[in-house]
Amino acid sequence: MSLSPRDLSPRELEVFTMTIQGYTRGQIASITNLSAETVKTYRKRALVKLKAVCLEHAILRAHQADVINLDSISDIFCPPTGD
């Protein structure tokens, strides 16, 4: 796969990583001071750049290309709680 971490912008990577950690679009928007629509746009751009058809496919492609390291992402697929 000819994809490198540099193919995603820092913001796309941030939003993508938060998405796979289970944060909702609203939570990401609040944390990053972006609008929910902008978060949606960054998510879409990441999937397009990863040539993925869905989030699961994007995670697999990003991991295979060393764009993300699943071992270093804590609480993956477990949305943050208020604890």
N, C-alpha and C. Protein backbone atom coordinates (compact mmCIF):
# COMPACT_ATOMS: atom_id res chain seq x y z
N MET A 1 0.85 -1.17 0.00
CA MET A 1 0.00 0.00 0.00
C MET A 1 0.90 1.23 0.00
N SER A 2 0.59 2.17 -0.86
CA SER A 2 1.43 3.37 -0.95
C SER A 2 0.82 4.51 -0.16
N LEU A 3 0.66 4.31 1.11
CA LEU A 3 0.09 5.30 2.00
C LEU A 3 1.06 5.53 3.13
N SER A 4 1.24 6.77 3.50
CA SER A 4 2.13 7.06 4.62
C SER A 4 1.40 7.99 5.60
N PRO A 5 1.91 8.08 6.81
CA PRO A 5 1.28 8.97 7.79
C PRO A 5 1.19 10.41 7.29
N ARG A 6 2.06 10.79 6.39
CA ARG A 6 2.03 12.16 5.89
C ARG A 6 0.85 12.42 4.94
N ASP A 7 0.19 11.36 4.48
CA ASP A 7 -0.93 11.53 3.56
C ASP A 7 -2.16 12.13 4.24
N LEU A 8 -2.30 11.90 5.53
CA LEU A 8 -3.38 12.51 6.29
C LEU A 8 -2.84 13.77 6.94
N SER A 9 -3.65 14.83 6.91
CA SER A 9 -3.22 16.05 7.60
C SER A 9 -3.22 15.77 9.10
N PRO A 10 -2.50 16.59 9.86
CA PRO A 10 -2.51 16.39 11.32
C PRO A 10 -3.93 16.39 11.90
N ARG A 11 -4.78 17.26 11.39
CA ARG A 11 -6.15 17.34 11.91
C ARG A 11 -6.97 16.12 11.49
N GLU A 12 -6.79 15.66 10.25
CA GLU A 12 -7.49 14.46 9.80
C GLU A 12 -7.09 13.27 10.66
N LEU A 13 -5.80 13.15 10.94
CA LEU A 13 -5.31 12.06 11.76
C LEU A 13 -5.85 12.15 13.18
N GLU A 14 -5.89 13.36 13.73
CA GLU A 14 -6.43 13.57 15.07
C GLU A 14 -7.90 13.15 15.14
N VAL A 15 -8.69 13.61 14.20
CA VAL A 15 -10.12 13.29 14.18
C VAL A 15 -10.33 11.79 13.94
N PHE A 16 -9.58 11.22 13.02
CA PHE A 16 -9.68 9.79 12.73
C PHE A 16 -9.34 8.96 13.98
N THR A 17 -8.26 9.32 14.65
CA THR A 17 -7.84 8.60 15.85
C THR A 17 -8.90 8.71 16.95
N MET A 18 -9.43 9.90 17.13
CA MET A 18 -10.47 10.07 18.16
C MET A 18 -11.72 9.29 17.79
N THR A 19 -12.03 9.22 16.51
CA THR A 19 -13.19 8.47 16.05
C THR A 19 -13.04 6.99 16.39
N ILE A 20 -11.87 6.43 16.11
CA ILE A 20 -11.70 5.00 16.38
C ILE A 20 -11.54 4.71 17.88
N GLN A 21 -11.30 5.75 18.65
CA GLN A 21 -11.29 5.59 20.11
C GLN A 21 -12.71 5.61 20.68
N GLY A 22 -13.69 5.94 19.83
CA GLY A 22 -15.07 5.90 20.27
C GLY A 22 -15.70 7.24 20.56
N TYR A 23 -14.98 8.33 20.34
CA TYR A 23 -15.56 9.65 20.55
C TYR A 23 -16.61 9.93 19.48
N THR A 24 -17.68 10.57 19.88
CA THR A 24 -18.72 10.96 18.93
C THR A 24 -18.28 12.22 18.19
N ARG A 25 -18.99 12.51 17.12
CA ARG A 25 -18.69 13.73 16.36
C ARG A 25 -18.82 14.96 17.26
N GLY A 26 -19.85 14.99 18.09
CA GLY A 26 -20.05 16.12 18.99
C GLY A 26 -18.93 16.25 20.02
N GLN A 27 -18.49 15.12 20.56
CA GLN A 27 -17.40 15.15 21.52
C GLN A 27 -16.10 15.64 20.87
N ILE A 28 -15.83 15.15 19.67
CA ILE A 28 -14.62 15.59 18.96
C ILE A 28 -14.70 17.07 18.68
N ALA A 29 -15.86 17.53 18.25
CA ALA A 29 -16.04 18.95 17.96
C ALA A 29 -15.77 19.80 19.20
N SER A 30 -16.29 19.37 20.32
CA SER A 30 -16.10 20.11 21.56
C SER A 30 -14.64 20.13 21.99
N ILE A 31 -13.98 18.99 21.93
CA ILE A 31 -12.59 18.88 22.37
C ILE A 31 -11.64 19.67 21.46
N THR A 32 -11.90 19.63 20.15
CA THR A 32 -10.99 20.25 19.19
C THR A 32 -11.40 21.67 18.79
N ASN A 33 -12.50 22.15 19.34
CA ASN A 33 -13.03 23.48 19.00
C ASN A 33 -13.34 23.61 17.51
N LEU A 34 -13.86 22.53 16.94
CA LEU A 34 -14.32 22.52 15.56
C LEU A 34 -15.84 22.36 15.56
N SER A 35 -16.48 22.69 14.46
CA SER A 35 -17.91 22.42 14.36
C SER A 35 -18.10 20.93 14.06
N ALA A 36 -19.27 20.42 14.36
CA ALA A 36 -19.58 19.02 14.09
C ALA A 36 -19.49 18.74 12.58
N GLU A 37 -19.87 19.70 11.77
CA GLU A 37 -19.79 19.52 10.31
C GLU A 37 -18.34 19.45 9.84
N THR A 38 -17.47 20.22 10.47
CA THR A 38 -16.05 20.18 10.10
C THR A 38 -15.45 18.83 10.50
N VAL A 39 -15.84 18.32 11.65
CA VAL A 39 -15.39 16.99 12.07
C VAL A 39 -15.84 15.96 11.05
N LYS A 40 -17.09 16.06 10.61
CA LYS A 40 -17.62 15.14 9.60
C LYS A 40 -16.79 15.20 8.32
N THR A 41 -16.41 16.41 7.92
CA THR A 41 -15.59 16.59 6.72
C THR A 41 -14.22 15.93 6.89
N TYR A 42 -13.58 16.13 8.03
CA TYR A 42 -12.27 15.51 8.28
C TYR A 42 -12.38 13.99 8.27
N ARG A 43 -13.45 13.45 8.84
CA ARG A 43 -13.66 12.00 8.81
C ARG A 43 -13.77 11.50 7.37
N LYS A 44 -14.58 12.19 6.58
CA LYS A 44 -14.76 11.79 5.18
C LYS A 44 -13.45 11.86 4.41
N ARG A 45 -12.69 12.93 4.62
CA ARG A 45 -11.41 13.07 3.93
C ARG A 45 -10.45 11.93 4.30
N ALA A 46 -10.43 11.56 5.56
CA ALA A 46 -9.56 10.47 5.99
C ALA A 46 -9.95 9.17 5.30
N LEU A 47 -11.24 8.87 5.24
CA LEU A 47 -11.68 7.65 4.58
C LEU A 47 -11.34 7.66 3.09
N VAL A 48 -11.50 8.80 2.45
CA VAL A 48 -11.16 8.91 1.03
C VAL A 48 -9.66 8.68 0.83
N LYS A 49 -8.84 9.34 1.63
CA LYS A 49 -7.39 9.19 1.50
C LYS A 49 -6.93 7.77 1.80
N LEU A 50 -7.65 7.10 2.69
CA LEU A 50 -7.30 5.72 3.02
C LEU A 50 -7.91 4.73 2.02
N LYS A 51 -8.69 5.27 1.08
CA LYS A 51 -9.37 4.43 0.08
C LYS A 51 -10.19 3.33 0.75
N ALA A 52 -10.93 3.75 1.76
CA ALA A 52 -11.72 2.82 2.56
C ALA A 52 -13.21 3.02 2.30
N VAL A 53 -13.96 1.94 2.43
CA VAL A 53 -15.40 2.00 2.20
C VAL A 53 -16.20 2.19 3.48
N CYS A 54 -15.54 1.95 4.62
CA CYS A 54 -16.21 2.12 5.91
C CYS A 54 -15.14 2.34 6.98
N LEU A 55 -15.56 2.64 8.17
CA LEU A 55 -14.61 2.92 9.25
C LEU A 55 -13.72 1.71 9.55
N GLU A 56 -14.30 0.54 9.59
CA GLU A 56 -13.52 -0.66 9.89
C GLU A 56 -12.44 -0.88 8.84
N HIS A 57 -12.79 -0.69 7.58
CA HIS A 57 -11.83 -0.83 6.48
C HIS A 57 -10.74 0.23 6.61
N ALA A 58 -11.11 1.44 6.98
CA ALA A 58 -10.13 2.52 7.15
C ALA A 58 -9.16 2.19 8.28
N ILE A 59 -9.66 1.63 9.37
CA ILE A 59 -8.79 1.25 10.49
C ILE A 59 -7.78 0.21 10.03
N LEU A 60 -8.25 -0.80 9.32
CA LEU A 60 -7.37 -1.85 8.83
C LEU A 60 -6.31 -1.28 7.89
N ARG A 61 -6.72 -0.46 6.93
CA ARG A 61 -5.77 0.11 5.97
C ARG A 61 -4.77 1.03 6.67
N ALA A 62 -5.25 1.83 7.61
CA ALA A 62 -4.35 2.74 8.33
C ALA A 62 -3.34 1.96 9.17
N HIS A 63 -3.79 0.89 9.79
CA HIS A 63 -2.88 0.06 10.59
C HIS A 63 -1.85 -0.63 9.70
N GLN A 64 -2.29 -1.18 8.59
CA GLN A 64 -1.38 -1.88 7.67
C GLN A 64 -0.32 -0.93 7.10
N ALA A 65 -0.68 0.33 6.93
CA ALA A 65 0.25 1.31 6.37
C ALA A 65 1.04 2.05 7.45
N ASP A 66 0.89 1.63 8.70
CA ASP A 66 1.57 2.28 9.83
C ASP A 66 1.19 3.74 9.98
N VAL A 67 -0.02 4.08 9.58
CA VAL A 67 -0.54 5.43 9.81
C VAL A 67 -0.97 5.54 11.27
N ILE A 68 -1.50 4.45 11.80
CA ILE A 68 -1.87 4.39 13.21
C ILE A 68 -1.27 3.12 13.80
N ASN A 69 -1.06 3.14 15.10
CA ASN A 69 -0.58 1.97 15.83
C ASN A 69 -1.67 1.60 16.82
N LEU A 70 -2.37 0.52 16.54
CA LEU A 70 -3.48 0.14 17.40
C LEU A 70 -3.03 -0.20 18.81
N ASP A 71 -1.80 -0.62 18.97
CA ASP A 71 -1.29 -0.94 20.30
C ASP A 71 -1.17 0.29 21.18
N SER A 72 -0.99 1.45 20.56
CA SER A 72 -0.80 2.67 21.34
C SER A 72 -2.09 3.45 21.57
N ILE A 73 -3.17 2.97 20.98
CA ILE A 73 -4.44 3.66 21.16
C ILE A 73 -5.22 2.93 22.24
N SER A 74 -5.41 3.61 23.37
CA SER A 74 -6.10 2.99 24.49
C SER A 74 -7.61 3.12 24.32
N ASP A 75 -8.30 2.19 24.90
CA ASP A 75 -9.76 2.21 24.93
C ASP A 75 -10.38 2.23 23.54
N ILE A 76 -9.77 1.56 22.59
CA ILE A 76 -10.30 1.57 21.23
C ILE A 76 -11.68 0.92 21.22
N PHE A 77 -12.57 1.53 20.52
CA PHE A 77 -13.96 1.11 20.38
C PHE A 77 -14.75 1.17 21.68
N CYS A 78 -14.20 1.80 22.68
CA CYS A 78 -14.91 1.96 23.95
C CYS A 78 -15.06 3.46 24.21
N PRO A 79 -16.25 3.99 23.98
CA PRO A 79 -16.43 5.42 24.16
C PRO A 79 -16.05 5.86 25.57
N PRO A 80 -15.47 7.05 25.67
CA PRO A 80 -15.09 7.59 26.98
C PRO A 80 -16.33 7.73 27.88
N THR A 81 -16.15 7.49 29.13
CA THR A 81 -17.25 7.65 30.09
C THR A 81 -16.98 8.87 30.95
N GLY A 82 -17.91 9.21 31.75
CA GLY A 82 -17.77 10.37 32.62
C GLY A 82 -16.96 10.08 33.87
N ASP A 83 -16.41 8.89 33.99
CA ASP A 83 -15.64 8.51 35.19
C ASP A 83 -14.34 9.25 35.32
